[in-house]
Amino acid sequence: MYQRVGKRIFDLILGLLLLPFFTILILFLSFYVILVDGWPPFYISRRVGENRKVFGMYKIRTMKRDSEKILSELLKEEGFQKLWKKYQKLKPDPRLIKGGLFIRRHSLDELPQIFNILKGEMSFVGPRPHPENEVDDSFPNEIFSVKPGLTGLWQVSGRNDLSLEEKIKLDLKYIQNINFLTDLQILIKTIKEVIFPKGAY
């Protein structure tokens, strides 16, 4: 009952309560990105959500406008290839704009996803939505049996220090034990992670 009805009600109530505060922060960050790296301030990432439906996930842009070109050049080097293969991330990431690391470490780039939540494409807590080009037939279907989350179990269990396989295992563990108290605990731990980030880059 909670997974299908209660969770959505919780998302809507919390989303509407946080919307004014989030909107102010989003506007401030948007102006900052435009100031340091120009237009656009937002980035829409194609992610795979519930029932493997692809949707556009909203983010504050923290990468330089020519980040794809920079990445293709970096991946010619063996060291960056190994990092990318294991984490789908680079550390350090030379593609970031000035101040981008701070924005990402404190998860401020994720704030626009409140609109994905209000639209019903995401939930506050759930398995993190994977990029479309990262998902193949090897992904367990159970990952896509619920709405993806703004935060989740692996975000409060190591974040980007975890491999893709470890993230999937934690997401499956969450899905098998969904309940209100777990969601509440993850949200509280997320606040701590945002203020005192570990494993984020």
N, C-alpha and C. Protein backbone atom coordinates (compact mmCIF):
# COMPACT_ATOMS: atom_id res chain seq x y z
N MET A 1 0.84 -1.21 0.00
CA MET A 1 0.00 0.00 0.00
C MET A 1 0.88 1.26 0.00
N TYR A 2 1.89 1.28 0.87
CA TYR A 2 2.75 2.46 0.94
C TYR A 2 3.51 2.65 -0.37
N GLN A 3 4.02 1.56 -0.93
CA GLN A 3 4.86 1.65 -2.13
C GLN A 3 4.14 2.33 -3.28
N ARG A 4 2.85 2.08 -3.46
CA ARG A 4 2.12 2.61 -4.61
C ARG A 4 1.30 3.87 -4.30
N VAL A 5 0.73 3.96 -3.10
CA VAL A 5 -0.15 5.09 -2.77
C VAL A 5 0.50 6.05 -1.78
N GLY A 6 0.91 5.50 -0.63
CA GLY A 6 1.48 6.35 0.42
C GLY A 6 2.73 7.08 -0.02
N LYS A 7 3.56 6.41 -0.79
CA LYS A 7 4.81 7.01 -1.25
C LYS A 7 4.55 8.21 -2.15
N ARG A 8 3.54 8.09 -3.03
CA ARG A 8 3.22 9.20 -3.93
C ARG A 8 2.64 10.38 -3.16
N ILE A 9 1.80 10.10 -2.18
CA ILE A 9 1.23 11.17 -1.36
C ILE A 9 2.34 11.89 -0.60
N PHE A 10 3.26 11.11 -0.04
CA PHE A 10 4.40 11.67 0.68
C PHE A 10 5.24 12.56 -0.23
N ASP A 11 5.50 12.08 -1.46
CA ASP A 11 6.28 12.85 -2.42
C ASP A 11 5.62 14.19 -2.75
N LEU A 12 4.33 14.17 -2.96
CA LEU A 12 3.61 15.39 -3.32
C LEU A 12 3.61 16.40 -2.18
N ILE A 13 3.33 15.93 -0.95
CA ILE A 13 3.30 16.84 0.20
C ILE A 13 4.67 17.45 0.45
N LEU A 14 5.70 16.60 0.49
CA LEU A 14 7.05 17.10 0.74
C LEU A 14 7.54 17.98 -0.42
N GLY A 15 7.20 17.60 -1.65
CA GLY A 15 7.60 18.38 -2.82
C GLY A 15 7.01 19.77 -2.81
N LEU A 16 5.74 19.88 -2.48
CA LEU A 16 5.09 21.19 -2.45
C LEU A 16 5.61 22.05 -1.31
N LEU A 17 5.96 21.43 -0.18
CA LEU A 17 6.51 22.17 0.95
C LEU A 17 7.91 22.72 0.62
N LEU A 18 8.69 21.94 -0.10
CA LEU A 18 10.07 22.34 -0.41
C LEU A 18 10.19 23.20 -1.66
N LEU A 19 9.15 23.23 -2.49
CA LEU A 19 9.22 23.91 -3.77
C LEU A 19 9.66 25.37 -3.68
N PRO A 20 9.11 26.20 -2.79
CA PRO A 20 9.54 27.61 -2.73
C PRO A 20 11.04 27.74 -2.42
N PHE A 21 11.54 26.98 -1.45
CA PHE A 21 12.94 27.03 -1.07
C PHE A 21 13.84 26.53 -2.19
N PHE A 22 13.46 25.41 -2.80
CA PHE A 22 14.24 24.86 -3.90
C PHE A 22 14.29 25.83 -5.08
N THR A 23 13.16 26.49 -5.36
CA THR A 23 13.08 27.40 -6.51
C THR A 23 14.06 28.57 -6.35
N ILE A 24 14.16 29.11 -5.14
CA ILE A 24 15.10 30.20 -4.89
C ILE A 24 16.53 29.74 -5.15
N LEU A 25 16.90 28.57 -4.64
CA LEU A 25 18.24 28.04 -4.83
C LEU A 25 18.52 27.75 -6.31
N ILE A 26 17.53 27.20 -7.00
CA ILE A 26 17.68 26.88 -8.43
C ILE A 26 17.94 28.15 -9.24
N LEU A 27 17.19 29.21 -8.96
CA LEU A 27 17.37 30.48 -9.67
C LEU A 27 18.76 31.05 -9.41
N PHE A 28 19.20 31.01 -8.15
CA PHE A 28 20.52 31.52 -7.80
C PHE A 28 21.62 30.75 -8.53
N LEU A 29 21.52 29.41 -8.52
CA LEU A 29 22.52 28.57 -9.18
C LEU A 29 22.50 28.77 -10.69
N SER A 30 21.31 28.98 -11.24
CA SER A 30 21.19 29.21 -12.69
C SER A 30 21.93 30.47 -13.11
N PHE A 31 21.75 31.55 -12.35
CA PHE A 31 22.44 32.80 -12.65
C PHE A 31 23.95 32.61 -12.53
N TYR A 32 24.38 31.83 -11.54
CA TYR A 32 25.81 31.59 -11.35
C TYR A 32 26.41 30.85 -12.55
N VAL A 33 25.74 29.80 -13.00
CA VAL A 33 26.24 29.01 -14.13
C VAL A 33 26.33 29.88 -15.38
N ILE A 34 25.31 30.69 -15.63
CA ILE A 34 25.31 31.59 -16.80
C ILE A 34 26.49 32.57 -16.70
N LEU A 35 26.76 33.04 -15.49
CA LEU A 35 27.83 34.01 -15.28
C LEU A 35 29.21 33.40 -15.58
N VAL A 36 29.44 32.15 -15.14
CA VAL A 36 30.79 31.56 -15.28
C VAL A 36 30.98 30.78 -16.58
N ASP A 37 29.88 30.29 -17.19
CA ASP A 37 30.07 29.46 -18.39
C ASP A 37 28.99 29.66 -19.45
N GLY A 38 28.16 30.66 -19.29
CA GLY A 38 27.17 30.95 -20.32
C GLY A 38 25.93 30.07 -20.28
N TRP A 39 25.15 30.19 -21.31
CA TRP A 39 23.87 29.48 -21.46
C TRP A 39 24.11 28.09 -22.07
N PRO A 40 23.33 27.08 -21.68
CA PRO A 40 22.20 27.07 -20.77
C PRO A 40 22.63 26.72 -19.34
N PRO A 41 21.83 27.10 -18.34
CA PRO A 41 22.17 26.77 -16.96
C PRO A 41 21.73 25.36 -16.56
N PHE A 42 20.86 24.78 -17.38
CA PHE A 42 20.32 23.46 -17.04
C PHE A 42 20.82 22.39 -18.00
N TYR A 43 20.72 21.17 -17.53
CA TYR A 43 21.11 20.02 -18.34
C TYR A 43 20.03 18.96 -18.18
N ILE A 44 19.57 18.41 -19.29
CA ILE A 44 18.57 17.36 -19.23
C ILE A 44 19.22 16.04 -19.61
N SER A 45 19.26 15.13 -18.65
CA SER A 45 19.91 13.83 -18.84
C SER A 45 18.85 12.76 -19.10
N ARG A 46 19.02 12.00 -20.18
CA ARG A 46 18.07 10.93 -20.50
C ARG A 46 18.32 9.74 -19.58
N ARG A 47 17.35 9.44 -18.74
CA ARG A 47 17.47 8.37 -17.75
C ARG A 47 16.38 7.33 -17.94
N VAL A 48 16.66 6.14 -17.45
CA VAL A 48 15.70 5.04 -17.54
C VAL A 48 14.98 4.91 -16.20
N GLY A 49 13.66 5.06 -16.23
CA GLY A 49 12.89 5.05 -15.01
C GLY A 49 12.03 3.82 -14.84
N GLU A 50 10.91 3.99 -14.18
CA GLU A 50 10.00 2.89 -13.90
C GLU A 50 9.53 2.23 -15.19
N ASN A 51 9.50 0.91 -15.19
CA ASN A 51 9.11 0.12 -16.37
C ASN A 51 10.00 0.40 -17.58
N ARG A 52 11.25 0.79 -17.31
CA ARG A 52 12.26 1.09 -18.34
C ARG A 52 11.84 2.26 -19.25
N LYS A 53 10.96 3.10 -18.76
CA LYS A 53 10.55 4.27 -19.54
C LYS A 53 11.62 5.35 -19.44
N VAL A 54 12.04 5.87 -20.58
CA VAL A 54 13.07 6.90 -20.61
C VAL A 54 12.44 8.28 -20.39
N PHE A 55 13.05 9.07 -19.53
CA PHE A 55 12.55 10.42 -19.27
C PHE A 55 13.73 11.39 -19.16
N GLY A 56 13.43 12.68 -19.22
CA GLY A 56 14.46 13.70 -19.10
C GLY A 56 14.60 14.13 -17.65
N MET A 57 15.74 13.85 -17.04
CA MET A 57 15.98 14.22 -15.66
C MET A 57 16.68 15.58 -15.61
N TYR A 58 16.12 16.52 -14.86
CA TYR A 58 16.63 17.88 -14.83
C TYR A 58 17.80 18.04 -13.85
N LYS A 59 18.82 18.75 -14.29
CA LYS A 59 19.98 19.02 -13.43
C LYS A 59 20.51 20.43 -13.71
N ILE A 60 21.13 21.03 -12.68
CA ILE A 60 21.90 22.24 -12.90
C ILE A 60 23.17 21.83 -13.64
N ARG A 61 23.52 22.55 -14.68
CA ARG A 61 24.71 22.17 -15.45
C ARG A 61 25.97 22.51 -14.69
N THR A 62 26.83 21.49 -14.47
CA THR A 62 28.11 21.69 -13.81
C THR A 62 29.28 21.38 -14.74
N MET A 63 28.98 20.89 -15.94
CA MET A 63 30.01 20.57 -16.93
C MET A 63 30.17 21.71 -17.94
N LYS A 64 31.37 21.85 -18.45
CA LYS A 64 31.60 22.82 -19.51
C LYS A 64 30.79 22.45 -20.74
N ARG A 65 30.49 23.44 -21.56
CA ARG A 65 29.62 23.21 -22.72
C ARG A 65 30.22 22.23 -23.73
N ASP A 66 31.54 22.12 -23.76
CA ASP A 66 32.18 21.17 -24.68
C ASP A 66 32.65 19.91 -23.94
N SER A 67 31.90 19.51 -22.89
CA SER A 67 32.31 18.39 -22.04
C SER A 67 32.41 17.07 -22.79
N GLU A 68 31.53 16.86 -23.78
CA GLU A 68 31.57 15.60 -24.55
C GLU A 68 32.87 15.49 -25.33
N LYS A 69 33.31 16.58 -25.90
CA LYS A 69 34.56 16.60 -26.65
C LYS A 69 35.74 16.35 -25.71
N ILE A 70 35.70 16.98 -24.54
CA ILE A 70 36.76 16.80 -23.55
C ILE A 70 36.82 15.34 -23.11
N LEU A 71 35.65 14.73 -22.87
CA LEU A 71 35.60 13.34 -22.43
C LEU A 71 36.19 12.40 -23.47
N SER A 72 35.83 12.60 -24.73
CA SER A 72 36.34 11.72 -25.79
C SER A 72 37.86 11.78 -25.87
N GLU A 73 38.43 12.95 -25.60
CA GLU A 73 39.89 13.09 -25.60
C GLU A 73 40.51 12.40 -24.38
N LEU A 74 39.87 12.56 -23.23
CA LEU A 74 40.39 11.97 -22.00
C LEU A 74 40.38 10.45 -22.05
N LEU A 75 39.34 9.88 -22.66
CA LEU A 75 39.20 8.43 -22.70
C LEU A 75 40.19 7.75 -23.64
N LYS A 76 41.00 8.55 -24.29
CA LYS A 76 42.08 7.97 -25.09
C LYS A 76 43.24 7.53 -24.20
N GLU A 77 43.22 8.03 -22.92
CA GLU A 77 44.26 7.67 -21.97
C GLU A 77 43.80 6.49 -21.12
N GLU A 78 44.69 5.53 -20.91
CA GLU A 78 44.34 4.28 -20.22
C GLU A 78 43.85 4.51 -18.80
N GLY A 79 44.49 5.45 -18.08
CA GLY A 79 44.09 5.72 -16.70
C GLY A 79 42.66 6.20 -16.59
N PHE A 80 42.28 7.14 -17.46
CA PHE A 80 40.90 7.64 -17.45
C PHE A 80 39.92 6.57 -17.92
N GLN A 81 40.35 5.70 -18.84
CA GLN A 81 39.50 4.60 -19.31
C GLN A 81 39.10 3.69 -18.16
N LYS A 82 40.07 3.34 -17.30
CA LYS A 82 39.80 2.44 -16.18
C LYS A 82 38.84 3.08 -15.17
N LEU A 83 39.07 4.36 -14.88
CA LEU A 83 38.17 5.08 -13.98
C LEU A 83 36.75 5.10 -14.51
N TRP A 84 36.62 5.44 -15.79
CA TRP A 84 35.30 5.56 -16.41
C TRP A 84 34.58 4.20 -16.45
N LYS A 85 35.31 3.14 -16.74
CA LYS A 85 34.72 1.81 -16.84
C LYS A 85 34.17 1.34 -15.50
N LYS A 86 34.88 1.65 -14.41
CA LYS A 86 34.46 1.19 -13.09
C LYS A 86 33.38 2.05 -12.46
N TYR A 87 33.54 3.39 -12.56
CA TYR A 87 32.63 4.28 -11.84
C TYR A 87 31.70 5.10 -12.74
N GLN A 88 31.96 5.12 -14.04
CA GLN A 88 31.24 6.03 -14.94
C GLN A 88 31.42 7.48 -14.50
N LYS A 89 32.53 7.74 -13.83
CA LYS A 89 32.88 9.07 -13.33
C LYS A 89 34.38 9.26 -13.49
N LEU A 90 34.82 10.49 -13.43
CA LEU A 90 36.24 10.81 -13.46
C LEU A 90 36.61 11.56 -12.20
N LYS A 91 37.76 11.25 -11.63
CA LYS A 91 38.21 11.91 -10.40
C LYS A 91 39.70 12.14 -10.49
N PRO A 92 40.13 13.42 -10.56
CA PRO A 92 39.29 14.63 -10.67
C PRO A 92 38.69 14.75 -12.06
N ASP A 93 37.65 15.56 -12.18
CA ASP A 93 36.97 15.70 -13.47
C ASP A 93 37.27 17.06 -14.09
N PRO A 94 38.12 17.08 -15.12
CA PRO A 94 38.50 18.36 -15.75
C PRO A 94 37.39 19.00 -16.56
N ARG A 95 36.26 18.32 -16.69
CA ARG A 95 35.15 18.87 -17.46
C ARG A 95 34.32 19.85 -16.65
N LEU A 96 34.52 19.91 -15.34
CA LEU A 96 33.69 20.74 -14.46
C LEU A 96 33.95 22.24 -14.66
N ILE A 97 32.90 23.02 -14.57
CA ILE A 97 33.02 24.47 -14.61
C ILE A 97 33.58 24.96 -13.27
N LYS A 98 33.98 26.22 -13.21
CA LYS A 98 34.46 26.80 -11.96
C LYS A 98 33.33 26.75 -10.93
N GLY A 99 33.61 26.16 -9.78
CA GLY A 99 32.59 26.02 -8.74
C GLY A 99 31.74 24.78 -8.91
N GLY A 100 31.93 24.07 -10.02
CA GLY A 100 31.12 22.90 -10.30
C GLY A 100 31.31 21.78 -9.29
N LEU A 101 32.55 21.63 -8.81
CA LEU A 101 32.82 20.57 -7.83
C LEU A 101 32.05 20.82 -6.54
N PHE A 102 32.01 22.06 -6.08
CA PHE A 102 31.27 22.40 -4.87
C PHE A 102 29.78 22.09 -5.06
N ILE A 103 29.24 22.50 -6.20
CA ILE A 103 27.82 22.27 -6.49
C ILE A 103 27.50 20.78 -6.47
N ARG A 104 28.37 19.97 -7.07
CA ARG A 104 28.13 18.53 -7.14
C ARG A 104 28.36 17.85 -5.80
N ARG A 105 29.41 18.26 -5.08
CA ARG A 105 29.69 17.63 -3.78
C ARG A 105 28.54 17.78 -2.82
N HIS A 106 27.85 18.92 -2.91
CA HIS A 106 26.72 19.17 -2.02
C HIS A 106 25.38 18.87 -2.68
N SER A 107 25.43 18.20 -3.85
CA SER A 107 24.23 17.73 -4.56
C SER A 107 23.28 18.85 -4.95
N LEU A 108 23.79 20.07 -5.07
CA LEU A 108 22.93 21.19 -5.44
C LEU A 108 22.46 21.10 -6.89
N ASP A 109 23.24 20.38 -7.72
CA ASP A 109 22.85 20.21 -9.12
C ASP A 109 21.62 19.34 -9.27
N GLU A 110 21.25 18.61 -8.21
CA GLU A 110 20.10 17.71 -8.26
C GLU A 110 18.78 18.41 -7.92
N LEU A 111 18.84 19.63 -7.43
CA LEU A 111 17.64 20.33 -6.95
C LEU A 111 16.49 20.39 -7.98
N PRO A 112 16.77 20.63 -9.28
CA PRO A 112 15.66 20.71 -10.24
C PRO A 112 14.85 19.42 -10.38
N GLN A 113 15.35 18.33 -9.84
CA GLN A 113 14.62 17.07 -9.93
C GLN A 113 13.34 17.07 -9.09
N ILE A 114 13.16 18.13 -8.30
CA ILE A 114 11.90 18.27 -7.59
C ILE A 114 10.74 18.35 -8.59
N PHE A 115 11.02 18.89 -9.79
CA PHE A 115 9.98 18.97 -10.82
C PHE A 115 9.70 17.59 -11.43
N ASN A 116 10.73 16.75 -11.53
CA ASN A 116 10.52 15.37 -11.96
C ASN A 116 9.65 14.62 -10.94
N ILE A 117 9.88 14.93 -9.66
CA ILE A 117 9.10 14.29 -8.60
C ILE A 117 7.64 14.72 -8.67
N LEU A 118 7.40 16.03 -8.79
CA LEU A 118 6.03 16.53 -8.86
C LEU A 118 5.30 16.02 -10.10
N LYS A 119 6.05 15.79 -11.20
CA LYS A 119 5.45 15.25 -12.42
C LYS A 119 5.16 13.76 -12.31
N GLY A 120 5.71 13.10 -11.29
CA GLY A 120 5.47 11.68 -11.11
C GLY A 120 6.47 10.78 -11.80
N GLU A 121 7.56 11.36 -12.31
CA GLU A 121 8.59 10.57 -12.98
C GLU A 121 9.59 9.99 -11.99
N MET A 122 9.70 10.66 -10.83
CA MET A 122 10.64 10.23 -9.80
C MET A 122 9.98 10.29 -8.44
N SER A 123 10.70 9.75 -7.45
CA SER A 123 10.29 9.82 -6.06
C SER A 123 11.43 10.47 -5.28
N PHE A 124 11.18 10.90 -4.05
CA PHE A 124 12.28 11.44 -3.26
C PHE A 124 13.30 10.36 -2.94
N VAL A 125 12.82 9.14 -2.67
CA VAL A 125 13.71 8.03 -2.34
C VAL A 125 13.45 6.87 -3.29
N GLY A 126 14.51 6.29 -3.81
CA GLY A 126 14.36 5.15 -4.71
C GLY A 126 15.70 4.82 -5.35
N PRO A 127 15.75 3.84 -6.21
CA PRO A 127 16.99 3.54 -6.94
C PRO A 127 17.33 4.70 -7.86
N ARG A 128 18.59 5.06 -7.90
CA ARG A 128 19.00 6.19 -8.73
C ARG A 128 18.80 5.84 -10.21
N PRO A 129 18.18 6.75 -11.00
CA PRO A 129 17.95 6.45 -12.42
C PRO A 129 19.25 6.42 -13.21
N HIS A 130 19.48 5.35 -13.94
CA HIS A 130 20.71 5.19 -14.71
C HIS A 130 20.58 5.88 -16.08
N PRO A 131 21.68 6.42 -16.59
CA PRO A 131 21.66 7.01 -17.94
C PRO A 131 21.25 5.97 -18.97
N GLU A 132 20.55 6.43 -20.00
CA GLU A 132 20.03 5.52 -21.02
C GLU A 132 21.16 4.71 -21.67
N ASN A 133 22.30 5.35 -21.93
CA ASN A 133 23.39 4.65 -22.61
C ASN A 133 24.16 3.69 -21.70
N GLU A 134 23.79 3.65 -20.43
CA GLU A 134 24.45 2.77 -19.46
C GLU A 134 23.65 1.48 -19.24
N VAL A 135 22.37 1.51 -19.61
CA VAL A 135 21.48 0.39 -19.33
C VAL A 135 21.46 -0.60 -20.50
N ASP A 136 21.65 -1.87 -20.17
CA ASP A 136 21.55 -2.92 -21.18
C ASP A 136 20.75 -4.09 -20.61
N ASP A 137 20.72 -5.19 -21.31
CA ASP A 137 19.91 -6.34 -20.89
C ASP A 137 20.43 -7.00 -19.62
N SER A 138 21.65 -6.67 -19.21
CA SER A 138 22.22 -7.28 -18.01
C SER A 138 21.65 -6.67 -16.73
N PHE A 139 20.98 -5.51 -16.84
CA PHE A 139 20.38 -4.88 -15.66
C PHE A 139 19.17 -5.69 -15.19
N PRO A 140 19.08 -5.98 -13.89
CA PRO A 140 17.91 -6.71 -13.38
C PRO A 140 16.64 -5.87 -13.53
N ASN A 141 15.57 -6.49 -14.03
CA ASN A 141 14.32 -5.77 -14.24
C ASN A 141 13.75 -5.19 -12.96
N GLU A 142 14.11 -5.78 -11.82
CA GLU A 142 13.58 -5.31 -10.54
C GLU A 142 13.97 -3.86 -10.27
N ILE A 143 15.11 -3.45 -10.81
CA ILE A 143 15.57 -2.06 -10.65
C ILE A 143 14.53 -1.09 -11.20
N PHE A 144 13.82 -1.52 -12.24
CA PHE A 144 12.86 -0.64 -12.93
C PHE A 144 11.41 -0.93 -12.52
N SER A 145 11.24 -1.61 -11.38
CA SER A 145 9.89 -1.94 -10.91
C SER A 145 9.28 -0.83 -10.08
N VAL A 146 10.09 0.16 -9.70
CA VAL A 146 9.61 1.30 -8.90
C VAL A 146 10.14 2.60 -9.52
N LYS A 147 9.62 3.71 -9.06
CA LYS A 147 10.10 5.00 -9.54
C LYS A 147 11.51 5.26 -9.02
N PRO A 148 12.37 5.81 -9.84
CA PRO A 148 13.73 6.14 -9.39
C PRO A 148 13.68 7.30 -8.40
N GLY A 149 14.75 7.45 -7.61
CA GLY A 149 14.74 8.45 -6.56
C GLY A 149 15.74 9.57 -6.70
N LEU A 150 15.43 10.69 -6.07
CA LEU A 150 16.36 11.81 -5.95
C LEU A 150 17.55 11.39 -5.09
N THR A 151 17.26 10.57 -4.08
CA THR A 151 18.29 9.97 -3.24
C THR A 151 17.92 8.51 -3.02
N GLY A 152 18.86 7.78 -2.45
CA GLY A 152 18.60 6.35 -2.25
C GLY A 152 19.61 5.75 -1.30
N LEU A 153 19.57 4.43 -1.20
CA LEU A 153 20.42 3.74 -0.23
C LEU A 153 21.90 3.90 -0.52
N TRP A 154 22.28 3.84 -1.82
CA TRP A 154 23.72 3.94 -2.09
C TRP A 154 24.25 5.37 -1.96
N GLN A 155 23.36 6.35 -2.07
CA GLN A 155 23.81 7.74 -1.89
C GLN A 155 24.22 8.01 -0.44
N VAL A 156 23.68 7.23 0.49
CA VAL A 156 24.06 7.41 1.90
C VAL A 156 24.95 6.26 2.37
N SER A 157 25.52 5.51 1.41
CA SER A 157 26.37 4.36 1.74
C SER A 157 27.69 4.38 0.99
N GLY A 158 28.16 5.57 0.63
CA GLY A 158 29.43 5.65 -0.06
C GLY A 158 29.43 6.49 -1.31
N ARG A 159 28.25 6.74 -1.87
CA ARG A 159 28.09 7.55 -3.07
C ARG A 159 29.00 7.10 -4.20
N ASN A 160 29.79 8.00 -4.76
CA ASN A 160 30.57 7.67 -5.95
C ASN A 160 31.81 6.83 -5.69
N ASP A 161 32.09 6.51 -4.42
CA ASP A 161 33.19 5.60 -4.12
C ASP A 161 32.79 4.15 -4.40
N LEU A 162 31.50 3.93 -4.66
CA LEU A 162 30.99 2.59 -4.95
C LEU A 162 31.07 2.31 -6.45
N SER A 163 31.29 1.05 -6.79
CA SER A 163 31.27 0.66 -8.19
C SER A 163 29.82 0.55 -8.65
N LEU A 164 29.61 0.45 -9.95
CA LEU A 164 28.26 0.31 -10.50
C LEU A 164 27.58 -0.93 -9.95
N GLU A 165 28.31 -2.04 -9.85
CA GLU A 165 27.76 -3.29 -9.34
C GLU A 165 27.31 -3.14 -7.88
N GLU A 166 28.09 -2.42 -7.08
CA GLU A 166 27.73 -2.22 -5.67
C GLU A 166 26.49 -1.34 -5.54
N LYS A 167 26.38 -0.35 -6.42
CA LYS A 167 25.20 0.52 -6.41
C LYS A 167 23.94 -0.27 -6.73
N ILE A 168 24.02 -1.15 -7.73
CA ILE A 168 22.87 -1.95 -8.13
C ILE A 168 22.44 -2.88 -6.98
N LYS A 169 23.40 -3.47 -6.29
CA LYS A 169 23.08 -4.36 -5.16
C LYS A 169 22.34 -3.61 -4.06
N LEU A 170 22.79 -2.38 -3.76
CA LEU A 170 22.13 -1.59 -2.73
C LEU A 170 20.74 -1.15 -3.17
N ASP A 171 20.57 -0.83 -4.45
CA ASP A 171 19.26 -0.45 -4.96
C ASP A 171 18.28 -1.63 -4.85
N LEU A 172 18.75 -2.82 -5.18
CA LEU A 172 17.91 -4.02 -5.07
C LEU A 172 17.53 -4.29 -3.62
N LYS A 173 18.47 -4.08 -2.71
CA LYS A 173 18.20 -4.26 -1.28
C LYS A 173 17.11 -3.29 -0.83
N TYR A 174 17.18 -2.04 -1.33
CA TYR A 174 16.15 -1.05 -0.97
C TYR A 174 14.78 -1.47 -1.49
N ILE A 175 14.73 -1.86 -2.76
CA ILE A 175 13.46 -2.23 -3.39
C ILE A 175 12.77 -3.38 -2.65
N GLN A 176 13.56 -4.31 -2.16
CA GLN A 176 13.01 -5.47 -1.46
C GLN A 176 12.52 -5.15 -0.06
N ASN A 177 12.85 -3.94 0.42
CA ASN A 177 12.45 -3.58 1.80
C ASN A 177 11.85 -2.18 1.89
N ILE A 178 11.08 -1.78 0.87
CA ILE A 178 10.51 -0.43 0.86
C ILE A 178 9.49 -0.26 1.98
N ASN A 179 9.68 0.78 2.78
CA ASN A 179 8.69 1.16 3.79
C ASN A 179 8.93 2.61 4.19
N PHE A 180 7.98 3.21 4.87
CA PHE A 180 8.05 4.63 5.20
C PHE A 180 9.23 4.96 6.10
N LEU A 181 9.49 4.12 7.11
CA LEU A 181 10.58 4.41 8.04
C LEU A 181 11.93 4.38 7.33
N THR A 182 12.10 3.43 6.41
CA THR A 182 13.36 3.37 5.64
C THR A 182 13.53 4.64 4.82
N ASP A 183 12.46 5.07 4.14
CA ASP A 183 12.53 6.31 3.35
C ASP A 183 12.89 7.50 4.23
N LEU A 184 12.29 7.56 5.40
CA LEU A 184 12.55 8.67 6.32
C LEU A 184 14.01 8.66 6.78
N GLN A 185 14.52 7.47 7.10
CA GLN A 185 15.91 7.34 7.53
C GLN A 185 16.88 7.77 6.43
N ILE A 186 16.58 7.37 5.19
CA ILE A 186 17.45 7.73 4.05
C ILE A 186 17.43 9.23 3.82
N LEU A 187 16.26 9.86 3.94
CA LEU A 187 16.17 11.31 3.76
C LEU A 187 16.97 12.06 4.82
N ILE A 188 16.90 11.60 6.06
CA ILE A 188 17.64 12.23 7.15
C ILE A 188 19.15 12.08 6.91
N LYS A 189 19.57 10.88 6.51
CA LYS A 189 20.99 10.64 6.23
C LYS A 189 21.45 11.46 5.01
N THR A 190 20.53 11.68 4.06
CA THR A 190 20.86 12.47 2.87
C THR A 190 21.18 13.91 3.25
N ILE A 191 20.42 14.46 4.18
CA ILE A 191 20.68 15.83 4.65
C ILE A 191 22.09 15.93 5.20
N LYS A 192 22.49 14.92 5.98
CA LYS A 192 23.85 14.89 6.54
C LYS A 192 24.89 14.79 5.42
N GLU A 193 24.62 13.97 4.40
CA GLU A 193 25.55 13.80 3.29
C GLU A 193 25.69 15.09 2.48
N VAL A 194 24.60 15.81 2.34
CA VAL A 194 24.63 17.07 1.58
C VAL A 194 25.47 18.12 2.30
N ILE A 195 25.34 18.15 3.65
CA ILE A 195 26.09 19.14 4.44
C ILE A 195 27.55 18.73 4.62
N PHE A 196 27.75 17.43 4.87
CA PHE A 196 29.10 16.90 5.05
C PHE A 196 29.34 15.77 4.04
N PRO A 197 29.56 16.14 2.78
CA PRO A 197 29.64 15.12 1.72
C PRO A 197 30.89 14.25 1.82
N LYS A 198 30.69 12.97 1.50
CA LYS A 198 31.79 12.01 1.41
C LYS A 198 31.61 11.24 0.12
N GLY A 199 32.70 11.03 -0.61
CA GLY A 199 32.63 10.21 -1.82
C GLY A 199 31.90 10.87 -2.97
N ALA A 200 31.79 12.18 -2.99
CA ALA A 200 31.10 12.87 -4.08
C ALA A 200 32.10 13.68 -4.89
N TYR A 201 31.99 13.61 -6.22
CA TYR A 201 32.86 14.40 -7.10
C TYR A 201 32.25 14.52 -8.46
